Amino acid sequence: MRLLSKHYRTQPAAERGMTLIEILVVVLIIGMILGMVGANVFGIFGEAKDKIAENEIRSMVDQVQLYRETRSGLPSELAELAKANLIKNAQEDGSVLDPWKRPYIYMLDQTSKDGFVIYSKGADENSDEDDIRSDNFGKK
């Protein structure tokens, strides 16, 4: 036994290998780095979905205004835009899905400057804080 421990001490560090503690420290550091990178990547994806929803809403607002000019009135629902071939990515029922795979909401609203509002409930679908609305562009 004494021979083994003496041999171990005289061996160069490169030949001895790593202890369990050293391996655990390295794994912990790698895990922390991956956690930070992952959090940033998922945050970027969330922002990208918000931008996609905003751009789709802007496009639908333009299509509703075109519909109003050509038909002398607002559509009662987004399905009318799909029937008029003004929206290409509509579902069979005429609804248009946001990036979170839920239908955009279209409402006639006399208090809005356009007379209507198109919005998405956002990622959480419950609170109003993350709603993306056509009447809120430029207010964030």
N, C-alpha and C. Protein backbone atom coordinates (compact mmCIF):
# COMPACT_ATOMS: atom_id res chain seq x y z
N MET A 1 0.82 -1.19 0.00
CA MET A 1 0.00 0.00 0.00
C MET A 1 0.87 1.26 0.00
N ARG A 2 1.93 1.17 0.78
CA ARG A 2 2.84 2.30 0.83
C ARG A 2 3.48 2.56 -0.53
N LEU A 3 3.76 1.51 -1.23
CA LEU A 3 4.36 1.65 -2.55
C LEU A 3 3.42 2.37 -3.51
N LEU A 4 2.13 2.05 -3.46
CA LEU A 4 1.17 2.69 -4.36
C LEU A 4 1.05 4.18 -4.07
N SER A 5 0.94 4.54 -2.81
CA SER A 5 0.78 5.96 -2.49
C SER A 5 2.05 6.74 -2.83
N LYS A 6 3.23 6.13 -2.64
CA LYS A 6 4.47 6.81 -2.99
C LYS A 6 4.56 6.96 -4.51
N HIS A 7 4.16 5.92 -5.21
CA HIS A 7 4.17 5.96 -6.67
C HIS A 7 3.21 7.04 -7.18
N TYR A 8 2.05 7.15 -6.53
CA TYR A 8 1.05 8.15 -6.93
C TYR A 8 1.60 9.56 -6.77
N ARG A 9 2.31 9.80 -5.66
CA ARG A 9 2.86 11.13 -5.41
C ARG A 9 3.99 11.49 -6.37
N THR A 10 4.69 10.53 -6.83
CA THR A 10 5.81 10.82 -7.72
C THR A 10 5.40 10.88 -9.18
N GLN A 11 4.18 10.47 -9.48
CA GLN A 11 3.70 10.53 -10.86
C GLN A 11 3.41 11.97 -11.25
N PRO A 12 3.71 12.37 -12.49
CA PRO A 12 3.38 13.72 -12.93
C PRO A 12 1.86 13.93 -12.91
N ALA A 13 1.43 15.15 -12.71
CA ALA A 13 0.00 15.47 -12.61
C ALA A 13 -0.77 15.08 -13.86
N ALA A 14 -0.17 15.20 -15.01
CA ALA A 14 -0.85 14.88 -16.27
C ALA A 14 -1.20 13.39 -16.34
N GLU A 15 -0.43 12.55 -15.70
CA GLU A 15 -0.68 11.11 -15.74
C GLU A 15 -1.65 10.65 -14.66
N ARG A 16 -1.87 11.44 -13.63
CA ARG A 16 -2.71 11.04 -12.51
C ARG A 16 -4.19 11.04 -12.84
N GLY A 17 -4.65 11.92 -13.73
CA GLY A 17 -6.07 12.01 -14.04
C GLY A 17 -6.76 13.04 -13.16
N MET A 18 -8.07 13.11 -13.28
CA MET A 18 -8.84 14.11 -12.54
C MET A 18 -9.60 13.44 -11.40
N THR A 19 -9.75 14.17 -10.31
CA THR A 19 -10.53 13.64 -9.19
C THR A 19 -12.01 13.87 -9.46
N LEU A 20 -12.84 13.21 -8.69
CA LEU A 20 -14.29 13.35 -8.84
C LEU A 20 -14.72 14.80 -8.59
N ILE A 21 -14.11 15.46 -7.64
CA ILE A 21 -14.45 16.86 -7.34
C ILE A 21 -14.14 17.75 -8.54
N GLU A 22 -13.00 17.54 -9.17
CA GLU A 22 -12.64 18.34 -10.34
C GLU A 22 -13.63 18.12 -11.48
N ILE A 23 -14.04 16.89 -11.68
CA ILE A 23 -15.02 16.59 -12.73
C ILE A 23 -16.35 17.27 -12.42
N LEU A 24 -16.78 17.21 -11.17
CA LEU A 24 -18.05 17.85 -10.78
C LEU A 24 -18.00 19.36 -10.97
N VAL A 25 -16.87 19.98 -10.65
CA VAL A 25 -16.73 21.42 -10.83
C VAL A 25 -16.82 21.78 -12.31
N VAL A 26 -16.16 21.01 -13.16
CA VAL A 26 -16.22 21.28 -14.61
C VAL A 26 -17.65 21.12 -15.13
N VAL A 27 -18.33 20.05 -14.72
CA VAL A 27 -19.72 19.83 -15.15
C VAL A 27 -20.61 20.97 -14.66
N LEU A 28 -20.41 21.43 -13.44
CA LEU A 28 -21.20 22.54 -12.89
C LEU A 28 -20.97 23.82 -13.70
N ILE A 29 -19.74 24.12 -14.03
CA ILE A 29 -19.43 25.32 -14.82
C ILE A 29 -20.07 25.23 -16.21
N ILE A 30 -19.96 24.07 -16.85
CA ILE A 30 -20.57 23.89 -18.17
C ILE A 30 -22.09 24.06 -18.07
N GLY A 31 -22.70 23.50 -17.03
CA GLY A 31 -24.15 23.64 -16.84
C GLY A 31 -24.57 25.09 -16.66
N MET A 32 -23.78 25.86 -15.90
CA MET A 32 -24.12 27.28 -15.70
C MET A 32 -24.02 28.05 -17.01
N ILE A 33 -23.00 27.77 -17.79
CA ILE A 33 -22.84 28.45 -19.09
C ILE A 33 -24.00 28.11 -20.01
N LEU A 34 -24.35 26.84 -20.10
CA LEU A 34 -25.48 26.43 -20.95
C LEU A 34 -26.79 27.06 -20.48
N GLY A 35 -26.97 27.17 -19.17
CA GLY A 35 -28.17 27.81 -18.63
C GLY A 35 -28.29 29.27 -19.03
N MET A 36 -27.18 29.99 -18.97
CA MET A 36 -27.20 31.41 -19.37
C MET A 36 -27.46 31.56 -20.86
N VAL A 37 -26.82 30.74 -21.67
CA VAL A 37 -27.02 30.80 -23.12
C VAL A 37 -28.45 30.43 -23.46
N GLY A 38 -28.97 29.38 -22.84
CA GLY A 38 -30.35 28.94 -23.10
C GLY A 38 -31.36 30.01 -22.76
N ALA A 39 -31.18 30.69 -21.63
CA ALA A 39 -32.11 31.74 -21.24
C ALA A 39 -32.12 32.87 -22.27
N ASN A 40 -30.95 33.23 -22.77
CA ASN A 40 -30.88 34.29 -23.78
C ASN A 40 -31.50 33.86 -25.10
N VAL A 41 -31.27 32.63 -25.50
CA VAL A 41 -31.82 32.14 -26.76
C VAL A 41 -33.34 32.11 -26.70
N PHE A 42 -33.92 31.60 -25.60
CA PHE A 42 -35.38 31.54 -25.50
C PHE A 42 -35.98 32.94 -25.40
N GLY A 43 -35.27 33.88 -24.81
CA GLY A 43 -35.74 35.26 -24.78
C GLY A 43 -35.80 35.86 -26.18
N ILE A 44 -34.82 35.54 -27.00
CA ILE A 44 -34.79 36.03 -28.38
C ILE A 44 -35.96 35.45 -29.17
N PHE A 45 -36.26 34.15 -28.97
CA PHE A 45 -37.39 33.53 -29.67
C PHE A 45 -38.70 34.20 -29.28
N GLY A 46 -38.85 34.54 -27.99
CA GLY A 46 -40.07 35.21 -27.54
C GLY A 46 -40.23 36.57 -28.19
N GLU A 47 -39.14 37.32 -28.28
CA GLU A 47 -39.19 38.63 -28.93
C GLU A 47 -39.50 38.48 -30.41
N ALA A 48 -38.97 37.45 -31.03
CA ALA A 48 -39.23 37.22 -32.46
C ALA A 48 -40.71 36.95 -32.70
N LYS A 49 -41.33 36.16 -31.83
CA LYS A 49 -42.76 35.88 -31.99
C LYS A 49 -43.58 37.15 -31.82
N ASP A 50 -43.19 38.01 -30.88
CA ASP A 50 -43.89 39.29 -30.70
C ASP A 50 -43.81 40.12 -31.98
N LYS A 51 -42.62 40.17 -32.59
CA LYS A 51 -42.44 40.94 -33.83
C LYS A 51 -43.24 40.34 -34.98
N ILE A 52 -43.27 39.02 -35.07
CA ILE A 52 -44.07 38.37 -36.11
C ILE A 52 -45.53 38.73 -35.95
N ALA A 53 -46.03 38.65 -34.71
CA ALA A 53 -47.43 38.99 -34.46
C ALA A 53 -47.71 40.44 -34.81
N GLU A 54 -46.81 41.34 -34.43
CA GLU A 54 -47.00 42.76 -34.74
C GLU A 54 -47.05 42.99 -36.25
N ASN A 55 -46.15 42.35 -36.99
CA ASN A 55 -46.14 42.51 -38.45
C ASN A 55 -47.39 41.92 -39.09
N GLU A 56 -47.84 40.77 -38.60
CA GLU A 56 -49.06 40.18 -39.15
C GLU A 56 -50.27 41.06 -38.86
N ILE A 57 -50.32 41.64 -37.67
CA ILE A 57 -51.44 42.53 -37.33
C ILE A 57 -51.41 43.77 -38.21
N ARG A 58 -50.22 44.35 -38.41
CA ARG A 58 -50.11 45.52 -39.30
C ARG A 58 -50.62 45.18 -40.70
N SER A 59 -50.25 44.01 -41.19
CA SER A 59 -50.70 43.58 -42.52
C SER A 59 -52.22 43.43 -42.55
N MET A 60 -52.80 42.83 -41.50
CA MET A 60 -54.25 42.66 -41.46
C MET A 60 -54.97 44.00 -41.35
N VAL A 61 -54.38 44.95 -40.63
CA VAL A 61 -54.97 46.30 -40.55
C VAL A 61 -55.02 46.91 -41.95
N ASP A 62 -53.94 46.77 -42.70
CA ASP A 62 -53.92 47.28 -44.08
C ASP A 62 -55.00 46.60 -44.92
N GLN A 63 -55.17 45.30 -44.74
CA GLN A 63 -56.18 44.56 -45.51
C GLN A 63 -57.60 44.97 -45.12
N VAL A 64 -57.83 45.23 -43.84
CA VAL A 64 -59.15 45.70 -43.40
C VAL A 64 -59.44 47.07 -44.01
N GLN A 65 -58.43 47.94 -44.03
CA GLN A 65 -58.63 49.26 -44.61
C GLN A 65 -58.88 49.18 -46.12
N LEU A 66 -58.19 48.27 -46.80
CA LEU A 66 -58.46 48.04 -48.22
C LEU A 66 -59.88 47.53 -48.42
N TYR A 67 -60.29 46.62 -47.57
CA TYR A 67 -61.66 46.08 -47.63
C TYR A 67 -62.67 47.22 -47.45
N ARG A 68 -62.40 48.11 -46.47
CA ARG A 68 -63.31 49.23 -46.20
C ARG A 68 -63.43 50.14 -47.42
N GLU A 69 -62.31 50.40 -48.09
CA GLU A 69 -62.33 51.28 -49.25
C GLU A 69 -63.04 50.65 -50.45
N THR A 70 -62.85 49.35 -50.64
CA THR A 70 -63.44 48.70 -51.82
C THR A 70 -64.88 48.25 -51.59
N ARG A 71 -65.28 48.06 -50.35
CA ARG A 71 -66.62 47.53 -50.06
C ARG A 71 -67.48 48.51 -49.27
N SER A 72 -66.98 49.69 -49.02
CA SER A 72 -67.72 50.74 -48.28
C SER A 72 -68.21 50.27 -46.92
N GLY A 73 -67.34 49.65 -46.17
CA GLY A 73 -67.69 49.22 -44.82
C GLY A 73 -66.65 48.27 -44.26
N LEU A 74 -66.70 48.10 -42.95
CA LEU A 74 -65.76 47.19 -42.29
C LEU A 74 -66.30 45.77 -42.30
N PRO A 75 -65.41 44.79 -42.38
CA PRO A 75 -65.87 43.41 -42.26
C PRO A 75 -66.33 43.14 -40.82
N SER A 76 -67.25 42.23 -40.66
CA SER A 76 -67.70 41.90 -39.31
C SER A 76 -66.76 40.92 -38.62
N GLU A 77 -65.96 40.21 -39.41
CA GLU A 77 -64.97 39.27 -38.87
C GLU A 77 -63.85 39.07 -39.88
N LEU A 78 -62.72 38.52 -39.39
CA LEU A 78 -61.57 38.31 -40.28
C LEU A 78 -61.87 37.31 -41.39
N ALA A 79 -62.81 36.42 -41.17
CA ALA A 79 -63.16 35.43 -42.20
C ALA A 79 -63.63 36.11 -43.49
N GLU A 80 -64.22 37.29 -43.38
CA GLU A 80 -64.64 38.02 -44.58
C GLU A 80 -63.44 38.44 -45.43
N LEU A 81 -62.33 38.75 -44.77
CA LEU A 81 -61.11 39.08 -45.51
C LEU A 81 -60.57 37.85 -46.24
N ALA A 82 -60.67 36.71 -45.59
CA ALA A 82 -60.22 35.47 -46.23
C ALA A 82 -61.10 35.14 -47.44
N LYS A 83 -62.41 35.34 -47.30
CA LYS A 83 -63.32 35.08 -48.41
C LYS A 83 -63.05 36.02 -49.58
N ALA A 84 -62.61 37.24 -49.27
CA ALA A 84 -62.31 38.22 -50.31
C ALA A 84 -60.87 38.07 -50.83
N ASN A 85 -60.19 37.00 -50.41
CA ASN A 85 -58.80 36.72 -50.81
C ASN A 85 -57.83 37.83 -50.43
N LEU A 86 -58.10 38.50 -49.32
CA LEU A 86 -57.19 39.54 -48.84
C LEU A 86 -56.21 38.99 -47.81
N ILE A 87 -56.53 37.84 -47.24
CA ILE A 87 -55.64 37.17 -46.28
C ILE A 87 -55.34 35.78 -46.83
N LYS A 88 -54.07 35.49 -46.99
CA LYS A 88 -53.68 34.22 -47.60
C LYS A 88 -53.46 33.09 -46.59
N ASN A 89 -53.10 33.41 -45.35
CA ASN A 89 -52.75 32.36 -44.39
C ASN A 89 -53.89 32.02 -43.43
N ALA A 90 -55.13 32.18 -43.88
CA ALA A 90 -56.28 31.88 -43.03
C ALA A 90 -56.53 30.38 -42.97
N GLN A 91 -57.10 29.95 -41.86
CA GLN A 91 -57.51 28.55 -41.69
C GLN A 91 -58.79 28.31 -42.50
N GLU A 92 -59.24 27.07 -42.53
CA GLU A 92 -60.45 26.75 -43.29
C GLU A 92 -61.67 27.51 -42.79
N ASP A 93 -61.72 27.75 -41.47
CA ASP A 93 -62.86 28.48 -40.91
C ASP A 93 -62.72 30.00 -41.05
N GLY A 94 -61.64 30.46 -41.66
CA GLY A 94 -61.43 31.89 -41.88
C GLY A 94 -60.62 32.56 -40.80
N SER A 95 -60.32 31.86 -39.71
CA SER A 95 -59.52 32.47 -38.64
C SER A 95 -58.05 32.51 -39.06
N VAL A 96 -57.33 33.42 -38.45
CA VAL A 96 -55.89 33.56 -38.70
C VAL A 96 -55.19 33.33 -37.37
N LEU A 97 -54.20 32.44 -37.35
CA LEU A 97 -53.53 32.08 -36.11
C LEU A 97 -52.29 32.94 -35.87
N ASP A 98 -52.11 33.32 -34.60
CA ASP A 98 -50.92 34.07 -34.21
C ASP A 98 -49.74 33.11 -34.04
N PRO A 99 -48.54 33.61 -33.73
CA PRO A 99 -47.38 32.72 -33.59
C PRO A 99 -47.52 31.68 -32.47
N TRP A 100 -48.46 31.88 -31.55
CA TRP A 100 -48.69 30.93 -30.46
C TRP A 100 -49.82 29.96 -30.81
N LYS A 101 -50.23 29.95 -32.09
CA LYS A 101 -51.25 29.03 -32.63
C LYS A 101 -52.64 29.26 -32.05
N ARG A 102 -52.94 30.52 -31.71
CA ARG A 102 -54.28 30.90 -31.27
C ARG A 102 -54.81 31.96 -32.23
N PRO A 103 -56.11 32.01 -32.43
CA PRO A 103 -56.65 32.96 -33.41
C PRO A 103 -56.46 34.42 -32.97
N TYR A 104 -56.16 35.26 -33.96
CA TYR A 104 -56.17 36.69 -33.72
C TYR A 104 -57.62 37.11 -33.45
N ILE A 105 -57.77 38.16 -32.68
CA ILE A 105 -59.11 38.64 -32.34
C ILE A 105 -59.35 39.95 -33.09
N TYR A 106 -60.48 40.03 -33.74
CA TYR A 106 -60.88 41.22 -34.49
C TYR A 106 -62.19 41.71 -33.89
N MET A 107 -62.22 43.00 -33.54
CA MET A 107 -63.43 43.59 -32.95
C MET A 107 -63.69 44.95 -33.58
N LEU A 108 -64.96 45.22 -33.81
CA LEU A 108 -65.34 46.58 -34.18
C LEU A 108 -65.29 47.40 -32.90
N ASP A 109 -64.65 48.57 -32.96
CA ASP A 109 -64.46 49.39 -31.76
C ASP A 109 -64.54 50.86 -32.17
N GLN A 110 -65.63 51.49 -31.84
CA GLN A 110 -65.84 52.89 -32.23
C GLN A 110 -64.89 53.85 -31.51
N THR A 111 -64.30 53.43 -30.39
CA THR A 111 -63.36 54.31 -29.68
C THR A 111 -61.97 54.29 -30.31
N SER A 112 -61.70 53.31 -31.15
CA SER A 112 -60.42 53.23 -31.84
C SER A 112 -60.40 54.19 -33.03
N LYS A 113 -59.23 54.71 -33.36
CA LYS A 113 -59.14 55.66 -34.48
C LYS A 113 -59.54 55.02 -35.80
N ASP A 114 -59.34 53.70 -35.94
CA ASP A 114 -59.69 53.01 -37.18
C ASP A 114 -61.11 52.46 -37.18
N GLY A 115 -61.73 52.41 -36.00
CA GLY A 115 -63.06 51.83 -35.90
C GLY A 115 -63.03 50.33 -35.64
N PHE A 116 -61.84 49.76 -35.52
CA PHE A 116 -61.69 48.34 -35.23
C PHE A 116 -60.35 48.11 -34.54
N VAL A 117 -60.22 46.95 -33.93
CA VAL A 117 -58.97 46.56 -33.28
C VAL A 117 -58.70 45.10 -33.64
N ILE A 118 -57.45 44.80 -33.95
CA ILE A 118 -57.01 43.42 -34.15
C ILE A 118 -55.93 43.18 -33.11
N TYR A 119 -56.04 42.05 -32.40
CA TYR A 119 -55.01 41.78 -31.40
C TYR A 119 -54.80 40.30 -31.15
N SER A 120 -53.65 40.03 -30.54
CA SER A 120 -53.27 38.69 -30.10
C SER A 120 -53.16 38.74 -28.59
N LYS A 121 -53.55 37.66 -27.94
CA LYS A 121 -53.46 37.59 -26.48
C LYS A 121 -52.02 37.39 -26.00
N GLY A 122 -51.09 37.22 -26.91
CA GLY A 122 -49.69 37.07 -26.53
C GLY A 122 -49.35 35.68 -26.03
N ALA A 123 -48.19 35.56 -25.46
CA ALA A 123 -47.68 34.25 -25.05
C ALA A 123 -48.46 33.64 -23.91
N ASP A 124 -48.88 34.44 -22.93
CA ASP A 124 -49.53 33.84 -21.76
C ASP A 124 -51.04 33.69 -21.91
N GLU A 125 -51.64 34.34 -22.85
CA GLU A 125 -53.06 34.23 -23.19
C GLU A 125 -53.99 34.77 -22.10
N ASN A 126 -53.49 35.08 -20.93
CA ASN A 126 -54.37 35.50 -19.84
C ASN A 126 -54.32 36.99 -19.54
N SER A 127 -53.15 37.49 -19.19
CA SER A 127 -53.06 38.90 -18.79
C SER A 127 -53.06 39.80 -20.01
N ASP A 128 -53.35 41.06 -19.78
CA ASP A 128 -53.35 42.04 -20.86
C ASP A 128 -51.96 42.63 -21.10
N GLU A 129 -51.02 42.35 -20.21
CA GLU A 129 -49.70 42.97 -20.29
C GLU A 129 -48.94 42.62 -21.56
N ASP A 130 -49.10 41.41 -22.07
CA ASP A 130 -48.35 41.01 -23.25
C ASP A 130 -49.21 40.98 -24.51
N ASP A 131 -50.42 41.53 -24.45
CA ASP A 131 -51.27 41.60 -25.65
C ASP A 131 -50.60 42.47 -26.70
N ILE A 132 -50.74 42.07 -27.94
CA ILE A 132 -50.20 42.84 -29.06
C ILE A 132 -51.41 43.35 -29.83
N ARG A 133 -51.66 44.65 -29.75
CA ARG A 133 -52.88 45.24 -30.29
C ARG A 133 -52.58 46.27 -31.37
N SER A 134 -53.46 46.32 -32.35
CA SER A 134 -53.27 47.28 -33.44
C SER A 134 -53.41 48.72 -32.96
N ASP A 135 -54.14 48.95 -31.88
CA ASP A 135 -54.30 50.32 -31.38
C ASP A 135 -53.22 50.72 -30.38
N ASN A 136 -52.23 49.85 -30.14
CA ASN A 136 -51.15 50.17 -29.21
C ASN A 136 -49.79 50.30 -29.87
N PHE A 137 -49.70 50.19 -31.18
CA PHE A 137 -48.40 50.27 -31.83
C PHE A 137 -47.78 51.62 -31.56
N GLY A 138 -46.50 51.59 -31.18
CA GLY A 138 -45.78 52.83 -30.91
C GLY A 138 -45.96 53.34 -29.50
N LYS A 139 -46.73 52.65 -28.65
CA LYS A 139 -46.96 53.12 -27.28
C LYS A 139 -46.09 52.41 -26.26
N LYS A 140 -45.34 51.37 -26.66
CA LYS A 140 -44.53 50.62 -25.69
C LYS A 140 -43.21 51.27 -25.46
